[in-house]
Every structure is written in C-alpha cells, then in structure tokens.
Protein backbone atom coordinates (compact mmCIF):
# COMPACT_ATOMS: atom_id res chain seq x y z
CA MET A 1 -0.02 0.09 0.10
CA HIS A 2 1.26 3.81 -1.24
CA PHE A 3 2.26 5.65 1.99
CA SER A 4 -0.49 7.85 0.44
CA GLN A 5 -3.23 5.60 0.50
CA VAL A 6 -2.50 4.65 4.24
CA MET A 7 -3.19 8.18 5.46
CA GLN A 8 -6.78 8.33 3.73
CA GLN A 9 -7.91 6.46 6.78
CA PHE A 10 -7.52 9.61 8.85
CA GLY A 11 -9.23 12.51 9.06
CA ALA A 12 -11.03 15.35 11.42
CA ASP A 13 -14.39 13.13 11.23
CA LYS A 14 -12.88 10.76 12.78
CA PRO A 15 -13.38 10.51 16.55
CA ASP A 16 -10.45 11.02 18.99
CA SER A 17 -9.95 7.04 19.67
CA MET A 18 -10.55 5.05 16.55
CA THR A 19 -8.93 1.78 15.36
CA ILE A 20 -6.25 1.64 12.54
CA VAL A 21 -5.11 -0.56 9.77
CA VAL A 22 -1.33 -0.41 10.10
CA PRO A 23 -0.13 -1.23 6.73
CA ASP A 24 1.93 -4.59 5.35
CA ALA A 25 4.79 -4.13 3.31
CA TRP A 26 6.81 -1.54 5.49
CA GLY A 27 8.03 -3.79 8.11
CA GLN A 28 11.39 -3.34 9.48
CA GLY A 29 12.55 -6.85 11.45
CA ARG A 30 9.32 -8.16 13.24
CA ALA A 31 7.54 -4.34 13.33
CA VAL A 32 6.56 -1.44 11.69
CA PHE A 33 9.65 1.40 10.65
CA GLY A 34 9.07 3.71 13.12
CA GLY A 35 9.10 6.67 10.50
CA MET A 36 5.08 5.04 9.63
CA ALA A 37 3.99 4.21 12.84
CA ALA A 38 4.96 8.31 13.30
CA ALA A 39 3.69 9.23 10.64
CA LEU A 40 0.41 7.68 11.51
CA ALA A 41 0.07 9.07 15.08
CA ILE A 42 0.81 12.58 13.91
CA ALA A 43 -1.95 11.60 10.95
CA HIS A 44 -4.79 11.11 13.49
CA LEU A 45 -3.53 14.39 15.55
CA LEU A 46 -3.25 16.98 12.63
CA PRO A 47 -6.73 17.31 11.71
CA VAL A 48 -7.53 18.67 14.75
CA ILE A 49 -5.11 21.00 14.85
CA PRO A 50 -5.96 24.85 13.74
CA VAL A 51 -4.27 26.57 10.99
CA GLY A 52 -1.14 28.72 11.92
CA MET A 53 0.00 26.29 14.23
CA PRO A 54 2.89 24.44 12.58
CA LEU A 55 4.52 21.37 14.10
CA ARG A 56 7.76 22.45 15.84
CA SER A 57 8.75 19.38 17.97
CA VAL A 58 7.90 15.75 18.26
CA SER A 59 8.93 13.05 20.66
CA VAL A 60 8.14 9.15 20.37
CA SER A 61 8.84 6.55 22.48
CA PHE A 62 8.91 3.18 20.98
CA VAL A 63 7.43 0.87 23.82
CA ALA A 64 6.33 -2.33 21.76
CA PRO A 65 7.07 -3.64 18.49
CA LEU A 66 3.86 -2.53 16.04
CA ASN A 67 2.75 -4.77 13.73
CA THR A 68 0.73 -4.78 10.91
CA GLY A 69 -2.96 -5.50 11.53
CA GLN A 70 -5.63 -3.77 13.40
CA ALA A 71 -4.58 -0.95 16.23
CA SER A 72 -6.14 1.12 18.62
CA VAL A 73 -5.22 5.14 18.49
CA GLN A 74 -5.78 7.50 20.50
CA ARG A 75 -5.06 11.31 20.66
CA ARG A 76 -5.62 14.24 23.27
CA ILE A 77 -4.79 18.03 23.54
CA LEU A 78 -2.90 18.64 26.83
CA ARG A 79 -2.99 21.95 26.48
CA GLN A 80 -3.77 24.89 24.28
CA GLY A 81 -2.77 28.11 24.58
CA LYS A 82 -2.77 30.84 22.29
CA SER A 83 0.45 30.40 20.36
CA VAL A 84 1.58 26.85 21.60
CA ILE A 85 -0.28 23.28 21.60
CA GLN A 86 0.92 20.41 23.46
CA ALA A 87 -0.77 16.82 22.68
CA GLN A 88 -0.49 13.39 22.80
CA VAL A 89 -0.94 10.19 20.53
CA ASN A 90 -0.96 6.53 21.91
CA ILE A 91 -0.83 3.67 19.63
CA GLU A 92 -2.02 0.13 21.12
CA GLN A 93 -1.84 -3.01 20.05
CA ASP A 94 -2.88 -6.71 21.33
CA GLY A 95 -3.82 -4.70 24.77
CA GLN A 96 -0.26 -2.96 25.25
CA VAL A 97 0.86 0.29 24.66
CA ALA A 98 3.01 0.20 21.31
CA LEU A 99 3.91 3.87 20.88
CA VAL A 100 3.72 7.11 22.92
CA LEU A 101 4.07 10.63 20.72
CA LEU A 102 4.26 13.99 22.18
CA ALA A 103 3.96 16.80 19.85
CA SER A 104 4.53 20.66 20.36
CA PHE A 105 2.68 23.29 18.03
CA GLY A 106 3.83 26.51 18.10
CA ALA A 107 2.50 29.82 15.98
CA ALA A 108 5.04 32.20 14.97
CA ARG A 109 6.03 35.36 17.08
CA PRO A 110 8.13 38.23 16.59
CA SER A 111 11.56 38.18 17.54
CA ALA A 112 14.73 40.28 17.55
CA HIS A 113 17.41 37.28 17.17
CA GLN A 114 17.44 35.70 13.87
CA LEU A 115 20.36 32.94 14.01
CA ASN A 116 20.36 30.88 10.32
CA ALA A 117 21.21 27.64 10.56
CA ASP A 118 23.98 26.00 8.22
CA SER A 119 23.19 24.84 4.62
CA ALA A 120 23.63 21.70 3.27
CA PRO A 121 26.64 19.79 2.52
CA GLU A 122 27.70 19.12 -0.55
CA TRP A 123 29.26 16.01 -2.28
CA GLN A 124 29.64 14.10 -5.27
CA THR A 125 26.12 13.27 -6.21
CA ASP A 126 27.66 11.19 -9.38
CA LYS A 127 29.39 8.72 -7.05
CA THR A 128 27.03 7.18 -4.58
CA LEU A 129 26.08 4.02 -3.26
CA THR A 130 22.42 2.89 -2.99
CA LEU A 131 20.35 0.03 -1.19
CA PRO A 132 18.95 -2.29 -3.51
CA LYS A 133 14.88 -2.77 -3.82
CA GLN A 134 15.42 -6.66 -3.60
CA GLY A 135 17.03 -8.89 -1.47
CA PRO A 136 18.04 -9.11 2.25
CA VAL A 137 17.14 -5.81 3.11
CA PRO A 138 13.97 -4.07 5.40
CA GLU A 139 10.67 -4.34 3.16
CA PHE A 140 10.26 -0.40 3.86
CA THR A 141 13.05 0.26 2.39
CA THR A 142 11.77 -0.45 -1.43
CA HIS A 143 9.41 2.57 -0.54
CA PHE A 144 12.41 5.15 -1.13
CA ASP A 145 14.93 6.18 -3.17
CA TYR A 146 18.69 6.70 -1.45
CA ARG A 147 21.81 8.09 -2.50
CA ILE A 148 24.37 7.51 -0.22
CA ALA A 149 27.41 10.26 -0.59
CA HIS A 150 28.80 10.26 2.05
CA GLY A 151 29.96 6.70 4.53
CA GLN A 152 29.26 3.27 3.40
CA LEU A 153 26.38 0.48 3.18
CA PRO A 154 25.07 -1.43 6.63
CA PHE A 155 27.05 -4.03 7.78
CA SER A 156 30.09 -2.93 5.50
CA ALA A 157 32.33 -2.39 8.38
CA SER A 158 33.14 1.65 7.87
CA PRO A 159 35.62 3.35 9.26
CA LEU A 160 33.19 6.63 9.57
CA SER A 161 30.75 7.33 12.18
CA GLN A 162 28.92 9.13 9.66
CA LEU A 163 26.16 8.25 7.19
CA GLY A 164 24.79 11.05 4.79
CA GLY A 165 23.26 11.34 1.25
CA ASP A 166 20.17 12.63 -0.72
CA ILE A 167 16.52 10.30 -0.11
CA ARG A 168 13.36 11.01 -1.70
CA MET A 169 9.86 8.51 -1.67
CA SER A 170 9.61 6.08 -4.67
CA GLY A 171 7.60 7.35 -7.72
CA SER A 172 4.00 6.75 -6.95
CA GLU A 173 4.44 7.05 -2.90
CA SER A 174 2.51 10.33 -2.83
CA SER A 175 2.35 13.06 -5.04
CA GLN A 176 4.05 15.63 -2.52
CA ALA A 177 6.07 15.70 0.55
CA GLY A 178 4.45 17.70 3.50
CA ILE A 179 5.02 17.20 7.06
CA LEU A 180 3.98 13.24 7.20
CA GLU A 181 6.38 12.40 4.35
CA LEU A 182 9.04 14.15 6.57
CA LEU A 183 8.84 12.24 9.24
CA ALA A 184 9.35 8.81 7.09
CA LEU A 185 12.05 10.65 5.32
CA VAL A 186 14.00 11.14 8.39
CA ASP A 187 14.08 7.89 9.92
CA ALA A 188 13.80 5.81 6.66
CA TRP A 189 17.96 5.92 6.62
CA PRO A 190 19.59 2.76 8.44
CA PRO A 191 21.11 3.51 11.50
CA VAL A 192 24.54 4.79 11.50
CA SER A 193 25.64 2.10 13.70
CA LEU A 194 24.58 -0.60 11.50
CA THR A 195 27.54 0.39 8.50
CA LEU A 196 30.22 0.05 11.65
CA LEU A 197 29.34 -3.45 11.63
CA ASN A 198 31.17 -6.25 9.49
CA GLN A 199 27.83 -8.60 9.43
CA PRO A 200 24.63 -8.42 9.95
CA ALA A 201 23.36 -7.89 13.83
CA PRO A 202 19.58 -6.01 14.34
CA ALA A 203 19.21 -2.98 15.94
CA SER A 204 15.99 -1.12 16.91
CA SER A 205 15.42 2.63 17.67
CA LEU A 206 14.35 3.26 21.42
CA THR A 207 13.12 6.69 21.62
CA TRP A 208 13.13 9.64 18.71
CA THR A 209 13.30 13.30 19.38
CA ILE A 210 12.51 15.76 15.78
CA GLU A 211 12.51 19.03 15.58
CA PHE A 212 10.91 20.98 12.44
CA ILE A 213 13.06 24.03 11.43
CA ALA A 214 11.85 24.87 8.30
CA HIS A 215 8.28 24.96 7.67
CA ASP A 216 8.12 25.48 3.42
CA LEU A 217 5.96 23.01 2.62
CA PRO A 218 4.89 21.06 0.42
CA PHE A 219 7.17 20.11 -1.81
CA SER A 220 7.43 17.93 -4.82
CA ASN A 221 8.02 14.60 -4.08
CA THR A 222 10.59 13.94 -7.04
CA ASP A 223 12.47 16.27 -5.42
CA TRP A 224 15.77 14.61 -3.49
CA TRP A 225 16.04 16.07 0.63
CA ARG A 226 19.93 15.75 1.82
CA TYR A 227 20.41 14.05 5.19
CA LEU A 228 23.62 13.53 7.68
CA ALA A 229 23.66 11.69 10.71
CA GLU A 230 26.38 11.37 13.32
CA ILE A 231 27.02 8.95 16.38
CA ASP A 232 27.59 11.18 19.03
CA TYR A 233 28.39 8.68 21.56
CA GLY A 234 27.67 4.50 22.11
CA ALA A 235 28.43 2.37 24.34
CA ASP A 236 26.77 -0.73 26.97
CA GLY A 237 24.75 -1.58 23.59
CA TYR A 238 22.96 2.18 22.71
CA HIS A 239 24.09 4.62 20.44
CA HIS A 240 23.03 8.12 20.45
CA ILE A 241 22.59 9.34 17.04
CA SER A 242 22.47 13.37 15.70
CA ALA A 243 21.17 13.77 11.82
CA LYS A 244 20.14 16.86 10.25
CA LEU A 245 17.78 16.79 7.06
CA TRP A 246 17.47 20.06 4.82
CA GLN A 247 14.67 20.60 2.17
CA PRO A 248 15.39 20.25 -2.03
CA ASP A 249 16.59 24.09 -1.56
CA GLY A 250 19.36 23.68 0.71
CA LYS A 251 16.91 25.04 3.90
CA LEU A 252 17.45 23.15 7.15
CA ALA A 253 14.21 21.69 7.77
CA ALA A 254 14.71 19.01 10.81
CA ILE A 255 16.89 17.88 13.58
CA SER A 256 16.74 14.56 14.68
CA ARG A 257 17.88 12.41 17.96
CA GLN A 258 17.74 9.19 18.05
CA THR A 259 18.66 6.43 21.15
CA VAL A 260 19.20 3.44 18.99
CA THR A 261 19.51 -0.34 20.80
CA VAL A 262 22.55 -2.17 18.72
CA PHE A 263 22.36 -5.91 19.54
CA ALA A 264 25.96 -6.52 18.52
C-alpha cells in the first residue's frame, strides 16, 4: 500500500479514539518501521490542530513492536494556549501500548533574534551508493530512493561514524512531500551504527526526537532531500545519534536525535 493511501484513513471527522489499519510491506524486522509508526500518530492528530500552528517538535517512545493489522490510536490535547499546543497520541495493539508520541505546535511570533542554520553539505552525487530494491533489506526501504554519498552501506565495517546522502520517496508513494512524508524521510535511513558492523545484527530505535525548523512545505515528491547523521556516543549496546535533514532548496528542515539499541 502506498504511503498516501495509508494516510487516507484519517480525517477531522474521526473520533479521538479509533481503530486503524497498520499497513503491511512497511516492515523493519518484526515491526513496522518507526517513521511510518510516527506518521500514523501525527496523521491522527493533525486534523484537530488549527491552521497557523505548525508542528515544532515530536518526541516518540517506541514501547513495543507495532505490527501490521489493526491497532487503536488515541489523541489528546494536553494544553492549548494562544500560541502553543501540546498534544499526545498513543497507539495500542493486542492490549499493550506500542507507541507514545508527544507533539508541540507553535505559532510564529516576532523576534529580534534570527540565527541562521548551516546550509546543506556538498557531496559528489555522481559517485553514490544505493540500497537495493530486492534482496536482504528491510521491506520498507523499497518505498524510498537513496543516494549514499558520505559513509558506507550497512554491515560494511565503515571507518566513519557518519552517514549521509540524498533521499526521496519512490515514484507513486505520494504526490507531494509534507509533514507526514518528512517524518518517514528522516527515519528511513539505516542507523549509522549498522554501517560500523562487519556482519548483520539487529538494531532498533528506543526513543526519537525530531524538531522541525523550516515550514516551506509541501515540496514535490520528486525532489531530493539531503541527510547527514552522526553517532555522538555509543556504549553498553546503546548508540546516541544526531541527524539533520535539508530541504531540496538547501534550507535546514529538521533536526533529529535517536537512542538506538544495537545487538552487537
């Protein structure tokens, strides 16, 4: 099922608590990949957020694997002020919580302080690696196009603790790249941790925080977005990874941080 088709089950006319279908063919090991899980939660929340309140920050705890099939999603506005809204979404499956998401929305306000972010890094895009569409790769990756320009493929014993390049959704997934697609694009990259290994081993996200910087959405889904991630620290089976995503025009779009469990 294409990404845009999955998101059609949400809308302003839906109740705060409802049953959804978690799609197949979006798996990462035994669970649906984190970007899709977070997009499902935000898609249920966005219809009740007023216009002029862009999404500023999302924090996700992946409590248990979210599998394909039916799940229950509940949204709750925790506090709504004049310029900021705080909200929560839970996804439950088989009687247990699978995901807890906290989201902050904030209207723009006048400020005397404007600090510019770094522009997108420049790499040679004529010499890139890509993830194969077939073979022993997570099934969700077939929904994306990758151009790895900095770092190595997973399980290649890379000497770098960084991974970067360009990404976009494959042709028919969606006609545009909005906030929901952005969640998927940021999380679609393999953890940098896997590129350091010399043989396959599992890894999974424990927590994920993403902050949205630019709000020039949507872009065409044919546009490439630039990504760069780096391991800040790793020990005891946990890696702490920071990443940035830049818009097709080079403007910083999002800042991401993940705690990843690595079973190697």
